[in-house]
Amino acid sequence: MNRSAMETVTHSPEEGIYAATDDYVHALEVRGAGRLLFVAGTMGLDPEGNPGATLDEQLELIWANLRTILASAGMTVDNIVRLTSYLRDATYAEANAKARVAALGGRPVPTTAIVAETLVSDWMVEIEVIAADGLGAM
C-alpha cells in the first residue's frame, strides 16, 4: 500500500491527430491505481455559499474548494487525472486555463472546457475532476 505503485503515462500521438498543447494531453493512462475519486462540479463559492465577485476570485475559490475536497480523501491536486471546466462565457477560457496550469504546477492532464449556462447566473465557472492514487493497489 504505497502511492508509488501508481504510474501515469501520457498518450498524445504526434501523427494522425491534431497536436496536443503544453497544458493539455489527449489521454492519460493510470496504472496501479488503488482508488479513484470522482469530484462533482465545484463552484467558486466561499464557505457561506457566496460566489466570488470576479472571475479570478471564483477561480481561486474553486481551486481552494477542490484542494479541500481532495484533502478529505487524502489526495492533492497532484492526484488529478482528468478535468472538465464548465464556463458561463467563452471569454473565461484563458483565465480558466491559466488558473488550471498554476493549480496543477504546469502538469498537463486531459481536460475539456464547455461553455454552458450555469444553474445560478452568478456562478461563472464550475470544475469537476477525477483523481486517482495508488493506495490500496495490489
N, C-alpha and C. Protein backbone atom coordinates (compact mmCIF):
# COMPACT_ATOMS: atom_id res chain seq x y z
N MET A 1 0.83 -1.19 0.00
CA MET A 1 0.00 0.00 0.00
C MET A 1 0.87 1.25 0.00
N ASN A 2 1.39 1.64 -1.18
CA ASN A 2 2.08 2.91 -1.23
C ASN A 2 1.76 3.63 -2.51
N ARG A 3 1.87 4.94 -2.45
CA ARG A 3 1.50 5.79 -3.58
C ARG A 3 2.37 5.52 -4.81
N SER A 4 3.59 5.08 -4.61
CA SER A 4 4.48 4.89 -5.74
C SER A 4 4.03 3.73 -6.63
N ALA A 5 3.06 2.93 -6.19
CA ALA A 5 2.56 1.84 -7.01
C ALA A 5 1.77 2.35 -8.21
N MET A 6 1.30 3.60 -8.14
CA MET A 6 0.54 4.16 -9.24
C MET A 6 1.48 4.87 -10.21
N GLU A 7 1.21 4.68 -11.49
CA GLU A 7 2.00 5.32 -12.53
C GLU A 7 1.04 5.93 -13.55
N THR A 8 1.42 7.08 -14.10
CA THR A 8 0.63 7.67 -15.17
C THR A 8 1.49 7.76 -16.42
N VAL A 9 0.87 7.50 -17.55
CA VAL A 9 1.56 7.55 -18.83
C VAL A 9 0.71 8.41 -19.77
N THR A 10 1.32 9.46 -20.32
CA THR A 10 0.58 10.30 -21.25
C THR A 10 0.59 9.68 -22.64
N HIS A 11 -0.50 9.90 -23.34
CA HIS A 11 -0.65 9.43 -24.72
C HIS A 11 -1.12 10.60 -25.56
N SER A 12 -0.20 11.18 -26.32
CA SER A 12 -0.52 12.27 -27.24
C SER A 12 0.19 11.97 -28.56
N PRO A 13 -0.44 11.14 -29.40
CA PRO A 13 0.18 10.78 -30.67
C PRO A 13 0.53 12.04 -31.47
N GLU A 14 1.62 11.95 -32.20
CA GLU A 14 2.06 13.10 -32.99
C GLU A 14 1.66 13.00 -34.45
N GLU A 15 1.14 11.85 -34.87
CA GLU A 15 0.70 11.67 -36.25
C GLU A 15 -0.75 11.22 -36.28
N GLY A 16 -1.49 11.70 -37.26
CA GLY A 16 -2.86 11.27 -37.46
C GLY A 16 -3.89 11.97 -36.60
N ILE A 17 -3.46 12.97 -35.82
CA ILE A 17 -4.37 13.71 -34.95
C ILE A 17 -3.79 15.09 -34.72
N TYR A 18 -4.63 16.05 -34.37
CA TYR A 18 -4.14 17.40 -34.09
C TYR A 18 -3.22 17.36 -32.87
N ALA A 19 -2.31 18.32 -32.81
CA ALA A 19 -1.29 18.35 -31.76
C ALA A 19 -1.88 18.72 -30.40
N ALA A 20 -1.36 18.08 -29.37
CA ALA A 20 -1.66 18.49 -28.00
C ALA A 20 -0.88 19.76 -27.73
N THR A 21 -1.21 20.45 -26.65
CA THR A 21 -0.51 21.68 -26.29
C THR A 21 0.26 21.46 -24.99
N ASP A 22 1.00 22.48 -24.56
CA ASP A 22 1.81 22.35 -23.35
C ASP A 22 0.99 22.07 -22.11
N ASP A 23 -0.26 22.52 -22.09
CA ASP A 23 -1.10 22.35 -20.90
C ASP A 23 -2.19 21.30 -21.08
N TYR A 24 -2.04 20.45 -22.09
CA TYR A 24 -3.10 19.51 -22.44
C TYR A 24 -2.48 18.24 -23.02
N VAL A 25 -2.99 17.10 -22.67
CA VAL A 25 -2.63 15.83 -23.29
C VAL A 25 -3.92 15.18 -23.78
N HIS A 26 -3.81 14.38 -24.83
CA HIS A 26 -5.00 13.72 -25.36
C HIS A 26 -5.53 12.67 -24.39
N ALA A 27 -4.62 11.95 -23.74
CA ALA A 27 -5.06 10.89 -22.83
C ALA A 27 -4.01 10.66 -21.76
N LEU A 28 -4.46 10.20 -20.62
CA LEU A 28 -3.58 9.87 -19.51
C LEU A 28 -3.95 8.49 -19.01
N GLU A 29 -3.06 7.56 -19.18
CA GLU A 29 -3.27 6.19 -18.70
C GLU A 29 -2.85 6.12 -17.24
N VAL A 30 -3.68 5.53 -16.40
CA VAL A 30 -3.38 5.37 -14.99
C VAL A 30 -3.17 3.89 -14.72
N ARG A 31 -1.98 3.55 -14.28
CA ARG A 31 -1.64 2.16 -13.96
C ARG A 31 -1.46 2.01 -12.46
N GLY A 32 -2.00 0.96 -11.90
CA GLY A 32 -1.80 0.65 -10.50
C GLY A 32 -2.59 1.53 -9.54
N ALA A 33 -3.66 2.14 -10.02
CA ALA A 33 -4.48 2.98 -9.13
C ALA A 33 -5.26 2.09 -8.18
N GLY A 34 -5.19 2.41 -6.92
CA GLY A 34 -5.96 1.69 -5.93
C GLY A 34 -7.28 2.35 -5.63
N ARG A 35 -7.34 3.67 -5.86
CA ARG A 35 -8.56 4.43 -5.57
C ARG A 35 -8.79 5.45 -6.67
N LEU A 36 -10.05 5.67 -6.97
CA LEU A 36 -10.47 6.75 -7.86
C LEU A 36 -11.44 7.63 -7.09
N LEU A 37 -11.31 8.93 -7.26
CA LEU A 37 -12.20 9.89 -6.61
C LEU A 37 -12.85 10.73 -7.71
N PHE A 38 -14.16 10.69 -7.78
CA PHE A 38 -14.92 11.46 -8.76
C PHE A 38 -15.51 12.67 -8.03
N VAL A 39 -15.04 13.86 -8.37
CA VAL A 39 -15.46 15.08 -7.68
C VAL A 39 -16.52 15.78 -8.51
N ALA A 40 -17.63 16.08 -7.88
CA ALA A 40 -18.73 16.79 -8.53
C ALA A 40 -18.28 18.16 -8.99
N GLY A 41 -19.06 18.75 -9.88
CA GLY A 41 -18.77 20.11 -10.30
C GLY A 41 -18.65 21.01 -9.08
N THR A 42 -17.55 21.75 -9.01
CA THR A 42 -17.24 22.57 -7.85
C THR A 42 -17.23 24.04 -8.27
N MET A 43 -17.93 24.87 -7.52
CA MET A 43 -18.06 26.27 -7.88
C MET A 43 -17.13 27.15 -7.03
N GLY A 44 -17.03 28.41 -7.44
CA GLY A 44 -16.23 29.40 -6.73
C GLY A 44 -17.03 30.07 -5.64
N LEU A 45 -17.43 29.27 -4.66
CA LEU A 45 -18.24 29.76 -3.54
C LEU A 45 -17.41 29.73 -2.27
N ASP A 46 -17.61 30.73 -1.41
CA ASP A 46 -16.92 30.74 -0.12
C ASP A 46 -17.63 29.79 0.84
N PRO A 47 -17.10 29.59 2.05
CA PRO A 47 -17.73 28.65 2.99
C PRO A 47 -19.19 28.96 3.33
N GLU A 48 -19.62 30.21 3.14
CA GLU A 48 -21.02 30.56 3.40
C GLU A 48 -21.89 30.36 2.18
N GLY A 49 -21.28 29.94 1.06
CA GLY A 49 -22.03 29.70 -0.16
C GLY A 49 -22.16 30.90 -1.07
N ASN A 50 -21.38 31.95 -0.81
CA ASN A 50 -21.42 33.15 -1.64
C ASN A 50 -20.38 33.07 -2.74
N PRO A 51 -20.76 33.41 -3.98
CA PRO A 51 -19.79 33.37 -5.07
C PRO A 51 -18.80 34.53 -5.00
N GLY A 52 -17.57 34.26 -5.48
CA GLY A 52 -16.60 35.34 -5.61
C GLY A 52 -17.17 36.40 -6.54
N ALA A 53 -16.77 37.67 -6.33
CA ALA A 53 -17.33 38.78 -7.11
C ALA A 53 -16.79 38.83 -8.53
N THR A 54 -15.58 38.31 -8.75
CA THR A 54 -14.95 38.36 -10.07
C THR A 54 -14.60 36.96 -10.53
N LEU A 55 -14.28 36.85 -11.80
CA LEU A 55 -13.85 35.56 -12.34
C LEU A 55 -12.61 35.05 -11.61
N ASP A 56 -11.62 35.92 -11.41
CA ASP A 56 -10.40 35.49 -10.72
C ASP A 56 -10.69 35.02 -9.30
N GLU A 57 -11.57 35.72 -8.60
CA GLU A 57 -11.94 35.30 -7.24
C GLU A 57 -12.62 33.94 -7.26
N GLN A 58 -13.50 33.73 -8.23
CA GLN A 58 -14.19 32.44 -8.31
C GLN A 58 -13.20 31.32 -8.63
N LEU A 59 -12.25 31.59 -9.52
CA LEU A 59 -11.26 30.55 -9.84
C LEU A 59 -10.40 30.23 -8.62
N GLU A 60 -10.01 31.24 -7.85
CA GLU A 60 -9.26 30.99 -6.62
C GLU A 60 -10.06 30.14 -5.65
N LEU A 61 -11.35 30.48 -5.49
CA LEU A 61 -12.21 29.72 -4.60
C LEU A 61 -12.41 28.29 -5.09
N ILE A 62 -12.60 28.11 -6.40
CA ILE A 62 -12.77 26.76 -6.95
C ILE A 62 -11.57 25.90 -6.59
N TRP A 63 -10.38 26.41 -6.84
CA TRP A 63 -9.19 25.59 -6.57
C TRP A 63 -8.99 25.38 -5.08
N ALA A 64 -9.33 26.34 -4.25
CA ALA A 64 -9.27 26.13 -2.80
C ALA A 64 -10.27 25.05 -2.39
N ASN A 65 -11.49 25.11 -2.96
CA ASN A 65 -12.51 24.11 -2.64
C ASN A 65 -12.08 22.72 -3.13
N LEU A 66 -11.50 22.65 -4.33
CA LEU A 66 -11.02 21.36 -4.83
C LEU A 66 -9.93 20.80 -3.93
N ARG A 67 -9.01 21.65 -3.48
CA ARG A 67 -7.94 21.17 -2.58
C ARG A 67 -8.54 20.61 -1.28
N THR A 68 -9.58 21.28 -0.77
CA THR A 68 -10.24 20.82 0.46
C THR A 68 -10.91 19.47 0.24
N ILE A 69 -11.62 19.34 -0.87
CA ILE A 69 -12.30 18.07 -1.18
C ILE A 69 -11.27 16.95 -1.36
N LEU A 70 -10.21 17.21 -2.13
CA LEU A 70 -9.18 16.21 -2.34
C LEU A 70 -8.52 15.81 -1.02
N ALA A 71 -8.22 16.79 -0.17
CA ALA A 71 -7.60 16.51 1.13
C ALA A 71 -8.48 15.62 1.99
N SER A 72 -9.80 15.77 1.87
CA SER A 72 -10.71 14.93 2.66
C SER A 72 -10.58 13.45 2.28
N ALA A 73 -10.02 13.19 1.10
CA ALA A 73 -9.79 11.81 0.65
C ALA A 73 -8.31 11.46 0.70
N GLY A 74 -7.49 12.30 1.35
CA GLY A 74 -6.07 12.04 1.44
C GLY A 74 -5.34 12.24 0.12
N MET A 75 -5.86 13.14 -0.72
CA MET A 75 -5.25 13.41 -2.02
C MET A 75 -4.94 14.89 -2.16
N THR A 76 -4.19 15.22 -3.22
CA THR A 76 -3.87 16.61 -3.56
C THR A 76 -4.15 16.82 -5.04
N VAL A 77 -3.90 18.03 -5.53
CA VAL A 77 -4.09 18.30 -6.95
C VAL A 77 -3.16 17.43 -7.80
N ASP A 78 -2.09 16.92 -7.21
CA ASP A 78 -1.19 16.01 -7.94
C ASP A 78 -1.88 14.71 -8.33
N ASN A 79 -2.99 14.40 -7.69
CA ASN A 79 -3.74 13.17 -7.98
C ASN A 79 -4.76 13.35 -9.09
N ILE A 80 -4.99 14.58 -9.54
CA ILE A 80 -5.97 14.82 -10.59
C ILE A 80 -5.49 14.20 -11.90
N VAL A 81 -6.37 13.39 -12.51
CA VAL A 81 -6.03 12.73 -13.77
C VAL A 81 -6.98 13.12 -14.90
N ARG A 82 -8.02 13.88 -14.60
CA ARG A 82 -9.00 14.31 -15.62
C ARG A 82 -9.72 15.53 -15.08
N LEU A 83 -10.00 16.53 -15.95
CA LEU A 83 -10.63 17.76 -15.51
C LEU A 83 -11.57 18.27 -16.59
N THR A 84 -12.76 18.67 -16.16
CA THR A 84 -13.73 19.30 -17.07
C THR A 84 -14.15 20.63 -16.47
N SER A 85 -14.05 21.69 -17.28
CA SER A 85 -14.48 23.03 -16.88
C SER A 85 -15.76 23.39 -17.61
N TYR A 86 -16.70 23.96 -16.89
CA TYR A 86 -17.93 24.47 -17.47
C TYR A 86 -17.88 25.99 -17.31
N LEU A 87 -17.78 26.69 -18.43
CA LEU A 87 -17.64 28.14 -18.42
C LEU A 87 -18.95 28.79 -18.84
N ARG A 88 -19.36 29.80 -18.11
CA ARG A 88 -20.59 30.52 -18.46
C ARG A 88 -20.40 31.32 -19.75
N ASP A 89 -19.15 31.71 -20.03
CA ASP A 89 -18.86 32.52 -21.22
C ASP A 89 -17.52 32.08 -21.80
N ALA A 90 -17.43 32.02 -23.11
CA ALA A 90 -16.20 31.59 -23.78
C ALA A 90 -15.03 32.51 -23.46
N THR A 91 -15.30 33.76 -23.13
CA THR A 91 -14.21 34.68 -22.81
C THR A 91 -13.50 34.31 -21.51
N TYR A 92 -14.04 33.39 -20.74
CA TYR A 92 -13.42 32.96 -19.49
C TYR A 92 -12.34 31.89 -19.72
N ALA A 93 -12.22 31.39 -20.93
CA ALA A 93 -11.33 30.26 -21.22
C ALA A 93 -9.88 30.53 -20.86
N GLU A 94 -9.36 31.69 -21.23
CA GLU A 94 -7.95 31.97 -20.98
C GLU A 94 -7.65 32.04 -19.48
N ALA A 95 -8.46 32.76 -18.72
CA ALA A 95 -8.25 32.85 -17.27
C ALA A 95 -8.39 31.48 -16.62
N ASN A 96 -9.35 30.70 -17.08
CA ASN A 96 -9.55 29.36 -16.55
C ASN A 96 -8.33 28.48 -16.82
N ALA A 97 -7.80 28.54 -18.03
CA ALA A 97 -6.62 27.74 -18.38
C ALA A 97 -5.42 28.16 -17.53
N LYS A 98 -5.22 29.46 -17.36
CA LYS A 98 -4.10 29.95 -16.53
C LYS A 98 -4.24 29.47 -15.09
N ALA A 99 -5.44 29.52 -14.55
CA ALA A 99 -5.67 29.06 -13.17
C ALA A 99 -5.40 27.56 -13.06
N ARG A 100 -5.84 26.79 -14.06
CA ARG A 100 -5.62 25.34 -14.06
C ARG A 100 -4.13 25.03 -14.11
N VAL A 101 -3.40 25.67 -15.02
CA VAL A 101 -1.96 25.43 -15.16
C VAL A 101 -1.25 25.77 -13.85
N ALA A 102 -1.60 26.89 -13.24
CA ALA A 102 -0.99 27.28 -11.97
C ALA A 102 -1.31 26.28 -10.87
N ALA A 103 -2.58 25.87 -10.78
CA ALA A 103 -3.00 24.94 -9.72
C ALA A 103 -2.33 23.58 -9.86
N LEU A 104 -2.12 23.14 -11.10
CA LEU A 104 -1.51 21.83 -11.35
C LEU A 104 0.01 21.92 -11.49
N GLY A 105 0.57 23.10 -11.27
CA GLY A 105 2.01 23.26 -11.37
C GLY A 105 2.54 22.98 -12.77
N GLY A 106 1.72 23.24 -13.78
CA GLY A 106 2.14 23.02 -15.16
C GLY A 106 1.98 21.59 -15.65
N ARG A 107 1.52 20.68 -14.78
CA ARG A 107 1.34 19.27 -15.17
C ARG A 107 0.13 19.16 -16.08
N PRO A 108 0.32 18.70 -17.32
CA PRO A 108 -0.83 18.58 -18.22
C PRO A 108 -1.66 17.33 -17.92
N VAL A 109 -2.97 17.48 -17.98
CA VAL A 109 -3.90 16.36 -17.84
C VAL A 109 -4.94 16.49 -18.94
N PRO A 110 -5.64 15.41 -19.26
CA PRO A 110 -6.74 15.53 -20.21
C PRO A 110 -7.79 16.49 -19.64
N THR A 111 -8.18 17.45 -20.43
CA THR A 111 -9.12 18.46 -19.96
C THR A 111 -10.08 18.84 -21.07
N THR A 112 -11.26 19.23 -20.67
CA THR A 112 -12.27 19.71 -21.60
C THR A 112 -12.88 20.96 -21.01
N ALA A 113 -13.10 21.96 -21.85
CA ALA A 113 -13.82 23.16 -21.42
C ALA A 113 -15.08 23.26 -22.25
N ILE A 114 -16.20 23.46 -21.57
CA ILE A 114 -17.50 23.52 -22.21
C ILE A 114 -18.16 24.84 -21.82
N VAL A 115 -18.72 25.54 -22.79
CA VAL A 115 -19.48 26.75 -22.48
C VAL A 115 -20.93 26.31 -22.25
N ALA A 116 -21.43 26.65 -21.06
CA ALA A 116 -22.77 26.21 -20.68
C ALA A 116 -23.41 27.23 -19.75
N GLU A 117 -24.71 27.24 -19.73
CA GLU A 117 -25.41 28.08 -18.77
C GLU A 117 -25.31 27.41 -17.40
N THR A 118 -24.87 28.14 -16.40
CA THR A 118 -24.79 27.58 -15.06
C THR A 118 -26.15 27.69 -14.37
N LEU A 119 -26.33 26.91 -13.31
CA LEU A 119 -27.63 26.90 -12.62
C LEU A 119 -27.96 28.24 -11.99
N VAL A 120 -26.95 28.95 -11.54
CA VAL A 120 -27.12 30.27 -10.94
C VAL A 120 -26.29 31.24 -11.76
N SER A 121 -26.86 32.36 -12.16
CA SER A 121 -26.16 33.27 -13.07
C SER A 121 -24.88 33.85 -12.48
N ASP A 122 -24.75 33.92 -11.16
CA ASP A 122 -23.53 34.44 -10.53
C ASP A 122 -22.37 33.45 -10.59
N TRP A 123 -22.64 32.19 -10.90
CA TRP A 123 -21.58 31.18 -10.99
C TRP A 123 -20.97 31.27 -12.38
N MET A 124 -19.69 31.66 -12.46
CA MET A 124 -19.04 31.88 -13.75
C MET A 124 -18.37 30.62 -14.30
N VAL A 125 -17.88 29.80 -13.40
CA VAL A 125 -17.14 28.59 -13.78
C VAL A 125 -17.48 27.49 -12.79
N GLU A 126 -17.52 26.28 -13.30
CA GLU A 126 -17.69 25.09 -12.47
C GLU A 126 -16.67 24.08 -12.98
N ILE A 127 -15.97 23.40 -12.07
CA ILE A 127 -14.94 22.45 -12.48
C ILE A 127 -15.19 21.12 -11.78
N GLU A 128 -15.14 20.04 -12.56
CA GLU A 128 -15.20 18.70 -11.97
C GLU A 128 -13.90 17.97 -12.33
N VAL A 129 -13.47 17.12 -11.40
CA VAL A 129 -12.22 16.38 -11.62
C VAL A 129 -12.39 14.91 -11.27
N ILE A 130 -11.46 14.13 -11.80
CA ILE A 130 -11.27 12.75 -11.37
C ILE A 130 -9.85 12.66 -10.86
N ALA A 131 -9.68 12.08 -9.69
CA ALA A 131 -8.36 11.91 -9.09
C ALA A 131 -8.13 10.43 -8.83
N ALA A 132 -6.86 10.04 -8.79
CA ALA A 132 -6.50 8.63 -8.56
C ALA A 132 -5.24 8.58 -7.71
N ASP A 133 -5.12 7.52 -6.93
CA ASP A 133 -3.85 7.27 -6.25
C ASP A 133 -3.62 5.76 -6.13
N GLY A 134 -2.42 5.44 -5.71
CA GLY A 134 -2.00 4.03 -5.63
C GLY A 134 -2.29 3.38 -4.30
N LEU A 135 -2.89 4.09 -3.36
CA LEU A 135 -3.18 3.48 -2.06
C LEU A 135 -4.13 2.29 -2.26
N GLY A 136 -3.79 1.21 -1.69
CA GLY A 136 -4.61 0.03 -1.81
C GLY A 136 -4.33 -0.80 -3.06
N ALA A 137 -3.41 -0.33 -3.90
CA ALA A 137 -3.09 -1.09 -5.12
C ALA A 137 -2.40 -2.38 -4.75
N MET A 138 -2.72 -3.41 -5.47
CA MET A 138 -2.13 -4.72 -5.18
C MET A 138 -0.88 -4.92 -6.01
